[in-house]
Amino acid sequence: MDREYVSWYSPTLQKNMEMLVFGNAGASILFLPPRMGRFYDYENWKVIEVLRNKIESGHIQVFCADSYDLQSFYNEEITSSQKILAHIQYEHYIIDEVMPFINKKNPGAFIIVAGCSLGAYHALNFALKHPSLFNKVVAMSGRYDLTINIAYYHDLFNGYWDENIYFNMPLQYVPNLNEEQTLQQIRELEIVLVIGKDDVLLENNYLMNKALLDKGIKSTLHTWDSEMHRAKSWRQMVNVYL
């Protein structure tokens, strides 16, 4: 299996950002790491190994990006307003740096954005905000409003709310999407949400799926038995949905 380590200094984030690329042809998959994760987590957890046959046969090429969560949502040394601004900078990095890199590496490919845990949130949010850049979303074990307290998942902004937060919480902004051109672009996407029936985020996924369907957006929610918020479960999920 072809494996390439890639690194460059990001002018957007003003730090070195790393990536692993697996394969050399097929659909491009931008794989975003879980909460506070790293670009190598999916490889270490054998998630990439499950995809070996698809990668080696040229069906998919996987780009494992790094996260910025410790500098944004989970940075307790900055204010909540600064947290969301740091997240927006990460969005610019993905859209302005990572996506051109992927398109140069594999021009004209079908593009899937995927992620697990907080990576699922990133995948869905980025695709909804930039639908023309993607063809499909696979969001596994995600939470789609980070301002809500759900069991041990706390409001990441400690009660603070502003317009930047609103426009980055899919469960908040999707119900209010009314601009037809924007909706038409989003309706071109295929959105797949996956969650375990015993996961504490199950209701959050039901609400997200309903909000998308209410807007005529192609979304399917797949519920798996048991609690599935772990690497072992994600190894099973990627084999089905990627």
Protein backbone atom coordinates (compact mmCIF):
# COMPACT_ATOMS: atom_id res chain seq x y z
CA MET A 1 0.00 0.00 0.00
CA ASP A 2 1.43 3.36 -1.05
CA ARG A 3 2.03 5.60 1.96
CA GLU A 4 3.36 9.16 1.85
CA TYR A 5 4.14 11.51 4.72
CA VAL A 6 3.48 15.15 3.80
CA SER A 7 4.27 18.29 5.77
CA TRP A 8 4.26 22.00 5.04
CA TYR A 9 4.28 25.27 6.92
CA SER A 10 0.73 26.62 6.87
CA PRO A 11 0.59 30.37 6.24
CA THR A 12 -3.01 30.27 7.48
CA LEU A 13 -2.25 28.67 10.85
CA GLN A 14 1.38 29.82 11.06
CA LYS A 15 2.57 26.40 12.09
CA ASN A 16 3.77 23.19 10.52
CA MET A 17 0.89 20.88 9.59
CA GLU A 18 1.28 17.19 8.79
CA MET A 19 -0.63 14.62 6.75
CA LEU A 20 -0.52 11.00 5.64
CA VAL A 21 -1.61 10.00 2.14
CA PHE A 22 -2.51 6.40 1.31
CA GLY A 23 -2.90 5.20 -2.28
CA ASN A 24 -2.54 7.00 -5.59
CA ALA A 25 -5.89 6.79 -7.41
CA GLY A 26 -9.65 6.57 -7.07
CA ALA A 27 -12.03 8.69 -5.05
CA SER A 28 -10.26 11.19 -2.79
CA ILE A 29 -11.15 10.87 0.89
CA LEU A 30 -10.29 13.74 3.22
CA PHE A 31 -10.27 11.99 6.59
CA LEU A 32 -10.45 14.37 9.56
CA PRO A 33 -9.20 13.12 12.95
CA PRO A 34 -11.28 12.61 16.09
CA ARG A 35 -11.43 15.01 19.02
CA MET A 36 -7.94 16.37 19.75
CA GLY A 37 -6.60 13.66 17.45
CA ARG A 38 -3.62 13.54 15.14
CA PHE A 39 -3.04 12.76 11.47
CA TYR A 40 -1.63 9.32 12.35
CA ASP A 41 -4.48 8.11 14.62
CA TYR A 42 -6.47 6.27 11.95
CA GLU A 43 -3.34 4.43 10.85
CA ASN A 44 -2.39 3.54 14.43
CA TRP A 45 -5.92 2.33 15.16
CA LYS A 46 -5.86 0.04 12.09
CA VAL A 47 -8.70 1.97 10.46
CA ILE A 48 -6.57 2.47 7.35
CA GLU A 49 -5.65 -1.21 7.33
CA VAL A 50 -9.34 -2.10 6.94
CA LEU A 51 -9.34 0.00 3.76
CA ARG A 52 -6.19 -1.62 2.37
CA ASN A 53 -7.90 -3.56 -0.42
CA LYS A 54 -9.83 -0.51 -1.63
CA ILE A 55 -6.66 1.58 -1.53
CA GLU A 56 -4.43 -0.97 -3.27
CA SER A 57 -7.04 -1.62 -5.96
CA GLY A 58 -7.14 2.09 -6.78
CA HIS A 59 -10.72 2.66 -5.64
CA ILE A 60 -9.83 5.27 -3.01
CA GLN A 61 -7.00 7.55 -2.01
CA VAL A 62 -7.05 8.64 1.64
CA PHE A 63 -5.70 11.94 2.96
CA CYS A 64 -5.42 11.91 6.77
CA ALA A 65 -5.25 15.55 7.87
CA ASP A 66 -4.10 16.84 11.23
CA SER A 67 -6.38 18.57 13.73
CA TYR A 68 -6.28 22.01 15.32
CA ASP A 69 -8.60 21.27 18.24
CA LEU A 70 -6.01 21.91 20.94
CA GLN A 71 -5.46 25.37 19.51
CA SER A 72 -9.18 26.11 19.09
CA PHE A 73 -12.07 24.34 20.86
CA TYR A 74 -9.94 22.74 23.58
CA ASN A 75 -7.58 25.64 24.21
CA GLU A 76 -8.43 26.78 27.74
CA GLU A 77 -5.94 29.65 27.63
CA ILE A 78 -8.09 31.70 25.23
CA THR A 79 -11.62 33.09 25.41
CA SER A 80 -14.63 31.42 23.84
CA SER A 81 -14.79 34.07 21.12
CA GLN A 82 -11.14 33.36 20.31
CA LYS A 83 -11.83 29.62 20.22
CA ILE A 84 -14.34 29.93 17.41
CA LEU A 85 -12.07 32.33 15.51
CA ALA A 86 -9.24 29.80 15.79
CA HIS A 87 -11.59 27.13 14.45
CA ILE A 88 -12.45 29.37 11.50
CA GLN A 89 -8.73 29.64 10.77
CA TYR A 90 -8.59 25.83 10.70
CA GLU A 91 -11.48 25.86 8.23
CA HIS A 92 -9.49 28.24 6.01
CA TYR A 93 -6.50 25.90 6.23
CA ILE A 94 -8.60 22.94 5.10
CA ILE A 95 -10.37 24.82 2.30
CA ASP A 96 -7.50 27.02 1.07
CA GLU A 97 -4.54 24.69 1.55
CA VAL A 98 -5.59 21.05 1.97
CA MET A 99 -8.27 20.94 -0.72
CA PRO A 100 -6.02 22.44 -3.45
CA PHE A 101 -3.35 19.91 -2.45
CA ILE A 102 -5.84 17.04 -2.80
CA ASN A 103 -7.10 18.33 -6.14
CA LYS A 104 -3.57 18.68 -7.46
CA LYS A 105 -2.69 15.18 -6.27
CA ASN A 106 -5.80 13.57 -7.74
CA PRO A 107 -7.47 15.98 -10.20
CA GLY A 108 -11.09 15.45 -11.12
CA ALA A 109 -11.70 12.80 -8.47
CA PHE A 110 -14.96 12.19 -6.61
CA ILE A 111 -14.32 13.77 -3.19
CA ILE A 112 -15.51 12.39 0.14
CA VAL A 113 -14.98 14.20 3.43
CA ALA A 114 -15.17 11.92 6.45
CA GLY A 115 -14.45 11.89 10.14
CA CYS A 116 -15.11 10.25 13.49
CA SER A 117 -16.12 11.95 16.74
CA LEU A 118 -15.26 15.67 16.41
CA GLY A 119 -13.91 14.82 12.97
CA ALA A 120 -17.49 13.98 12.00
CA TYR A 121 -18.59 17.47 13.08
CA HIS A 122 -15.77 19.01 11.04
CA ALA A 123 -16.62 16.90 8.00
CA LEU A 124 -20.30 17.82 7.97
CA ASN A 125 -19.79 21.48 8.83
CA PHE A 126 -17.13 22.02 6.16
CA ALA A 127 -19.19 20.26 3.50
CA LEU A 128 -22.35 22.22 4.32
CA LYS A 129 -20.43 25.50 4.16
CA HIS A 130 -18.48 24.58 1.01
CA PRO A 131 -20.73 22.10 -0.82
CA SER A 132 -19.19 22.72 -4.23
CA LEU A 133 -15.89 21.21 -3.04
CA PHE A 134 -17.28 17.83 -2.00
CA ASN A 135 -19.49 15.04 -3.31
CA LYS A 136 -20.14 12.98 -0.18
CA VAL A 137 -19.93 13.23 3.61
CA VAL A 138 -19.45 10.29 5.97
CA ALA A 139 -19.82 11.45 9.58
CA MET A 140 -19.37 8.77 12.25
CA SER A 141 -20.17 9.24 15.96
CA GLY A 142 -20.51 13.00 15.64
CA ARG A 143 -21.99 15.86 17.66
CA TYR A 144 -23.39 18.69 15.56
CA ASP A 145 -23.96 21.44 18.10
CA LEU A 146 -20.97 21.96 20.37
CA THR A 147 -22.87 24.44 22.56
CA ILE A 148 -25.12 21.73 24.03
CA ASN A 149 -24.30 19.74 27.16
CA ILE A 150 -24.85 16.05 26.44
CA ALA A 151 -23.74 13.68 29.22
CA TYR A 152 -19.94 14.06 29.43
CA TYR A 153 -19.83 16.25 26.29
CA HIS A 154 -19.87 19.80 27.57
CA ASP A 155 -20.64 23.15 25.97
CA LEU A 156 -17.23 24.01 24.54
CA PHE A 157 -17.96 27.74 24.84
CA ASN A 158 -19.14 27.81 28.47
CA GLY A 159 -22.40 29.60 27.69
CA TYR A 160 -20.88 32.13 25.32
CA TRP A 161 -22.60 32.54 21.94
CA ASP A 162 -22.07 34.79 18.94
CA GLU A 163 -22.68 34.87 15.20
CA ASN A 164 -19.48 32.96 14.45
CA ILE A 165 -20.58 30.12 16.69
CA TYR A 166 -24.05 30.08 15.12
CA PHE A 167 -22.66 29.76 11.59
CA ASN A 168 -20.48 26.82 12.64
CA MET A 169 -23.08 24.72 14.45
CA PRO A 170 -25.00 22.71 11.81
CA LEU A 171 -27.91 22.01 14.15
CA GLN A 172 -28.35 25.76 14.61
CA TYR A 173 -27.97 27.07 11.06
CA VAL A 174 -29.38 24.26 8.89
CA PRO A 175 -33.03 24.77 10.01
CA ASN A 176 -32.73 28.42 8.94
CA LEU A 177 -31.21 27.82 5.50
CA ASN A 178 -33.56 29.41 3.00
CA GLU A 179 -31.37 30.68 0.17
CA GLU A 180 -32.34 28.42 -2.73
CA GLN A 181 -29.01 28.52 -4.55
CA THR A 182 -27.19 27.44 -1.40
CA LEU A 183 -29.71 24.69 -0.75
CA GLN A 184 -29.42 23.43 -4.31
CA GLN A 185 -25.65 23.08 -3.92
CA ILE A 186 -26.03 21.24 -0.62
CA ARG A 187 -28.66 18.96 -2.14
CA GLU A 188 -26.01 17.70 -4.55
CA LEU A 189 -24.19 16.16 -1.59
CA GLU A 190 -24.72 12.64 -0.32
CA ILE A 191 -24.65 12.79 3.48
CA VAL A 192 -24.23 9.69 5.63
CA LEU A 193 -24.55 9.90 9.43
CA VAL A 194 -23.57 6.87 11.51
CA ILE A 195 -24.10 6.40 15.25
CA GLY A 196 -24.52 3.62 17.81
CA LYS A 197 -27.94 3.03 19.36
CA ASP A 198 -26.43 3.27 22.85
CA ASP A 199 -24.31 6.34 22.12
CA VAL A 200 -25.17 9.45 24.15
CA LEU A 201 -25.10 11.41 20.89
CA LEU A 202 -27.90 9.35 19.30
CA GLU A 203 -30.61 12.02 19.70
CA ASN A 204 -28.24 14.69 18.39
CA ASN A 205 -27.83 12.62 15.23
CA TYR A 206 -31.59 12.11 14.89
CA LEU A 207 -32.11 15.86 15.11
CA MET A 208 -29.35 16.54 12.59
CA ASN A 209 -30.71 14.05 10.11
CA LYS A 210 -34.25 15.45 10.48
CA ALA A 211 -33.00 19.02 9.98
CA LEU A 212 -31.27 18.00 6.76
CA LEU A 213 -34.24 16.03 5.43
CA ASP A 214 -36.61 18.91 6.24
CA LYS A 215 -34.56 21.01 3.80
CA GLY A 216 -34.71 18.38 1.07
CA ILE A 217 -31.06 17.43 1.59
CA LYS A 218 -30.03 13.84 0.84
CA SER A 219 -29.16 12.45 4.26
CA THR A 220 -29.30 8.95 5.68
CA LEU A 221 -28.89 8.01 9.33
CA HIS A 222 -27.50 4.55 10.10
CA THR A 223 -27.81 3.32 13.68
CA TRP A 224 -25.62 0.45 14.83
CA ASP A 225 -26.26 -1.79 17.81
CA SER A 226 -24.48 -1.01 21.05
CA GLU A 227 -22.16 1.89 21.92
CA MET A 228 -19.94 2.58 18.92
CA HIS A 229 -17.80 5.57 19.90
CA ARG A 230 -14.46 3.80 19.66
CA ALA A 231 -11.78 2.83 17.15
CA LYS A 232 -12.95 -0.78 16.98
CA SER A 233 -16.37 0.40 15.81
CA TRP A 234 -14.94 2.89 13.33
CA ARG A 235 -12.94 0.09 11.72
CA GLN A 236 -16.26 -1.62 11.00
CA MET A 237 -17.98 1.54 9.81
CA VAL A 238 -15.37 2.65 7.28
CA ASN A 239 -15.52 -0.74 5.60
CA VAL A 240 -19.22 -0.16 4.94
CA TYR A 241 -19.45 3.57 4.14
CA LEU A 242 -16.09 4.55 2.60
